[in-house]
Amino acid sequence: MTQDFAKIRPEPLLEKKPASNPPAWSLMITGVVLGITIGVFACVLLYMSGRVPPLSQPAVATAKLFNRGSADNEPGATAESDPEETALEYEFYRELQEYEVLVDATPVDLSAQDPKRRLEQDYLLQTGAFKRRDLAETEQRRQAALGLDVFVKDPSIVGRSLFLVQSGPFRTRGELENAETVLRRNSIPFLRLTSKSD
């Protein structure tokens, strides 16, 4: 059996009705109730945090001022109170001056860290050891360009010769630390040696 689909009518679409907005008064009442609830909750949390003085303190302070004022109304007393008497006095300012903290500490001699203080021994900084003199002199020129007082030393070693690149001697702590800082900034490894006095 054949069927003619052209004659079949589609079902009617549902009618579209615009959505109605809720009444304005209900939104207003909901907002007011929600705002009051959040405000009360925030006030309770703030009060419980302890950052707000208790509510009974102002009444006590007012009662003390009232009692002080009634005591001043004796015969012969003036009605005006002296501003120095009504000024608040904070005891902790006086107590803090008399408070002493005892600590178990060892005194430190800061003069040992003085950069101009002379060291007990003179120091040298060795920055390289080369088999060839021309390589040692190249390193010497590179470090001299950085502002260091550099020299090449040729110690007598039995069987072979090494050319040592050294700077110094440094007689004060400040000179030694400045030279070490320059070498560290330029990624030059160094070895601290004591200078033998001749």
Protein backbone atom coordinates (compact mmCIF):
# COMPACT_ATOMS: atom_id res chain seq x y z
CA MET A 1 0.00 0.00 0.00
CA THR A 2 1.37 3.30 -1.07
CA GLN A 3 0.98 6.39 0.95
CA ASP A 4 1.10 9.98 -0.16
CA PHE A 5 3.26 11.88 2.29
CA ALA A 6 2.44 15.22 0.71
CA LYS A 7 -1.08 15.08 2.10
CA ILE A 8 -0.02 14.46 5.69
CA ARG A 9 -0.32 17.62 7.73
CA PRO A 10 2.30 18.33 10.31
CA GLU A 11 1.18 18.72 13.88
CA PRO A 12 0.71 22.32 14.95
CA LEU A 13 3.59 23.80 16.94
CA LEU A 14 2.94 24.69 20.51
CA GLU A 15 2.05 28.26 21.02
CA LYS A 16 4.83 30.39 22.36
CA LYS A 17 3.85 32.49 25.34
CA PRO A 18 6.24 35.10 26.66
CA ALA A 19 7.53 34.29 30.16
CA SER A 20 6.10 36.64 32.71
CA ASN A 21 8.45 38.42 35.11
CA PRO A 22 7.89 37.90 38.82
CA PRO A 23 6.29 40.82 40.55
CA ALA A 24 8.70 43.58 41.61
CA TRP A 25 7.52 43.62 45.21
CA SER A 26 8.49 39.96 45.72
CA LEU A 27 12.03 40.63 44.45
CA MET A 28 12.31 43.66 46.72
CA ILE A 29 11.16 41.75 49.82
CA THR A 30 13.53 38.86 49.05
CA GLY A 31 16.48 41.26 48.64
CA VAL A 32 15.74 43.10 51.89
CA VAL A 33 15.41 39.87 53.91
CA LEU A 34 18.58 38.45 52.38
CA GLY A 35 20.54 41.68 53.06
CA ILE A 36 19.42 41.84 56.69
CA THR A 37 20.32 38.18 57.23
CA ILE A 38 23.83 38.60 55.76
CA GLY A 39 24.40 41.82 57.76
CA VAL A 40 23.37 40.25 61.07
CA PHE A 41 25.55 37.20 60.37
CA ALA A 42 28.57 39.41 59.55
CA CYS A 43 28.06 41.46 62.74
CA VAL A 44 27.88 38.32 64.87
CA LEU A 45 31.09 36.97 63.31
CA LEU A 46 32.87 40.29 63.86
CA TYR A 47 31.75 40.44 67.49
CA MET A 48 32.82 36.84 68.13
CA SER A 49 36.28 37.47 66.62
CA GLY A 50 37.12 39.64 69.64
CA ARG A 51 38.14 42.71 67.68
CA VAL A 52 35.15 44.68 68.92
CA PRO A 53 35.00 45.72 72.59
CA PRO A 54 32.13 44.23 74.59
CA LEU A 55 28.91 46.22 74.51
CA SER A 56 28.88 46.71 78.32
CA GLN A 57 32.12 48.76 78.48
CA PRO A 58 30.74 52.18 77.45
CA ALA A 59 28.05 51.96 80.13
CA VAL A 60 30.68 51.24 82.81
CA ALA A 61 32.90 54.10 81.60
CA THR A 62 29.91 56.47 81.60
CA ALA A 63 28.98 55.41 85.15
CA LYS A 64 32.55 56.04 86.37
CA LEU A 65 32.58 59.50 84.81
CA PHE A 66 29.18 60.23 86.37
CA ASN A 67 30.39 59.12 89.82
CA ARG A 68 33.55 61.19 89.46
CA GLY A 69 31.45 64.20 88.49
CA SER A 70 29.09 63.78 91.49
CA ALA A 71 32.07 63.58 93.87
CA ASP A 72 33.31 66.89 92.51
CA ASN A 73 29.98 68.58 93.36
CA GLU A 74 30.90 68.96 97.01
CA PRO A 75 30.51 72.33 98.66
CA GLY A 76 33.32 74.60 97.56
CA ALA A 77 34.01 72.65 94.38
CA THR A 78 33.55 74.32 91.04
CA ALA A 79 31.09 72.97 88.47
CA GLU A 80 33.75 72.85 85.76
CA SER A 81 35.98 69.80 85.89
CA ASP A 82 39.72 70.08 85.35
CA PRO A 83 40.67 68.75 81.88
CA GLU A 84 43.78 67.05 83.31
CA GLU A 85 41.62 64.94 85.66
CA THR A 86 39.25 63.77 82.92
CA ALA A 87 42.05 62.80 80.53
CA LEU A 88 42.50 59.09 80.18
CA GLU A 89 45.59 57.59 81.74
CA TYR A 90 47.10 54.50 80.19
CA GLU A 91 49.02 52.52 82.77
CA PHE A 92 50.89 50.39 80.26
CA TYR A 93 52.95 53.40 79.16
CA ARG A 94 54.37 53.69 82.68
CA GLU A 95 54.68 49.96 83.20
CA LEU A 96 56.46 49.40 79.89
CA GLN A 97 59.32 51.68 80.93
CA GLU A 98 59.91 49.64 84.09
CA TYR A 99 59.65 46.28 82.34
CA GLU A 100 62.91 44.43 81.77
CA VAL A 101 63.40 41.36 79.60
CA LEU A 102 66.06 38.91 80.68
CA VAL A 103 67.57 36.91 77.85
CA ASP A 104 70.23 34.24 77.72
CA ALA A 105 72.46 35.77 75.05
CA THR A 106 76.16 35.82 74.39
CA PRO A 107 77.62 39.20 73.43
CA VAL A 108 79.18 39.32 69.98
CA ASP A 109 82.34 41.25 69.15
CA LEU A 110 81.30 43.26 66.08
CA SER A 111 84.77 44.73 65.64
CA ALA A 112 85.84 41.39 64.10
CA GLN A 113 83.52 42.12 61.17
CA ASP A 114 84.95 45.58 60.52
CA PRO A 115 86.07 45.70 56.84
CA LYS A 116 89.03 47.97 57.69
CA ARG A 117 90.34 45.68 60.41
CA ARG A 118 93.66 44.09 59.61
CA LEU A 119 93.61 40.31 59.21
CA GLU A 120 95.81 38.10 61.37
CA GLN A 121 97.50 36.76 58.22
CA ASP A 122 97.78 38.05 54.68
CA TYR A 123 95.76 36.09 52.13
CA LEU A 124 96.19 35.29 48.44
CA LEU A 125 93.46 34.18 46.03
CA GLN A 126 94.58 31.58 43.51
CA THR A 127 92.39 31.44 40.40
CA GLY A 128 94.26 29.06 38.12
CA ALA A 129 97.22 26.76 37.47
CA PHE A 130 98.46 26.42 33.88
CA LYS A 131 101.14 24.33 32.18
CA ARG A 132 101.81 27.07 29.61
CA ARG A 133 102.89 30.56 30.56
CA ASP A 134 100.94 32.28 27.73
CA LEU A 135 97.64 30.82 29.03
CA ALA A 136 98.46 32.03 32.54
CA GLU A 137 99.24 35.53 31.22
CA THR A 138 95.96 35.62 29.26
CA GLU A 139 94.05 34.83 32.46
CA GLN A 140 96.12 37.45 34.30
CA ARG A 141 95.10 40.15 31.76
CA ARG A 142 91.43 39.13 31.97
CA GLN A 143 91.38 39.45 35.76
CA ALA A 144 93.41 42.66 35.71
CA ALA A 145 90.67 44.15 33.50
CA LEU A 146 88.23 43.37 36.36
CA GLY A 147 90.33 45.55 38.69
CA LEU A 148 92.22 42.85 40.57
CA ASP A 149 95.94 42.98 41.41
CA VAL A 150 96.94 39.74 39.65
CA PHE A 151 100.35 38.16 39.12
CA VAL A 152 101.72 34.90 37.69
CA LYS A 153 103.86 32.81 40.01
CA ASP A 154 106.23 30.09 38.80
CA PRO A 155 106.92 27.76 41.72
CA SER A 156 109.77 25.33 41.31
CA ILE A 157 108.18 21.88 41.23
CA VAL A 158 110.44 18.92 40.57
CA GLY A 159 109.64 17.26 37.25
CA ARG A 160 107.16 19.80 35.83
CA SER A 161 106.40 23.50 35.71
CA LEU A 162 103.04 25.11 36.68
CA PHE A 163 102.22 28.77 36.32
CA LEU A 164 99.89 29.90 39.13
CA VAL A 165 97.59 32.89 38.66
CA GLN A 166 97.16 34.62 42.04
CA SER A 167 95.94 37.95 43.36
CA GLY A 168 96.79 39.72 46.56
CA PRO A 169 98.15 39.84 49.18
CA PHE A 170 95.04 41.07 51.00
CA ARG A 171 95.69 42.58 54.41
CA THR A 172 92.17 43.69 55.46
CA ARG A 173 88.86 41.83 55.53
CA GLY A 174 87.22 44.38 53.22
CA GLU A 175 89.85 43.98 50.49
CA LEU A 176 89.59 40.19 50.64
CA GLU A 177 85.78 40.13 50.53
CA ASN A 178 85.65 42.65 47.65
CA ALA A 179 88.07 40.56 45.57
CA GLU A 180 86.09 37.36 46.30
CA THR A 181 82.86 39.12 45.29
CA VAL A 182 84.37 40.21 41.95
CA LEU A 183 85.53 36.65 41.25
CA ARG A 184 82.13 35.15 42.16
CA ARG A 185 80.24 37.62 39.95
CA ASN A 186 82.41 36.66 37.00
CA SER A 187 82.13 32.91 37.73
CA ILE A 188 85.85 32.52 38.35
CA PRO A 189 86.63 29.75 40.84
CA PHE A 190 89.23 30.64 43.44
CA LEU A 191 91.14 29.16 46.34
CA ARG A 192 92.02 31.18 49.45
CA LEU A 193 95.64 30.74 50.51
CA THR A 194 97.65 32.21 53.36
CA SER A 195 100.57 34.32 52.29
CA LYS A 196 103.89 33.14 53.70
CA SER A 197 105.86 36.03 55.10
CA ASP A 198 109.48 36.02 53.96
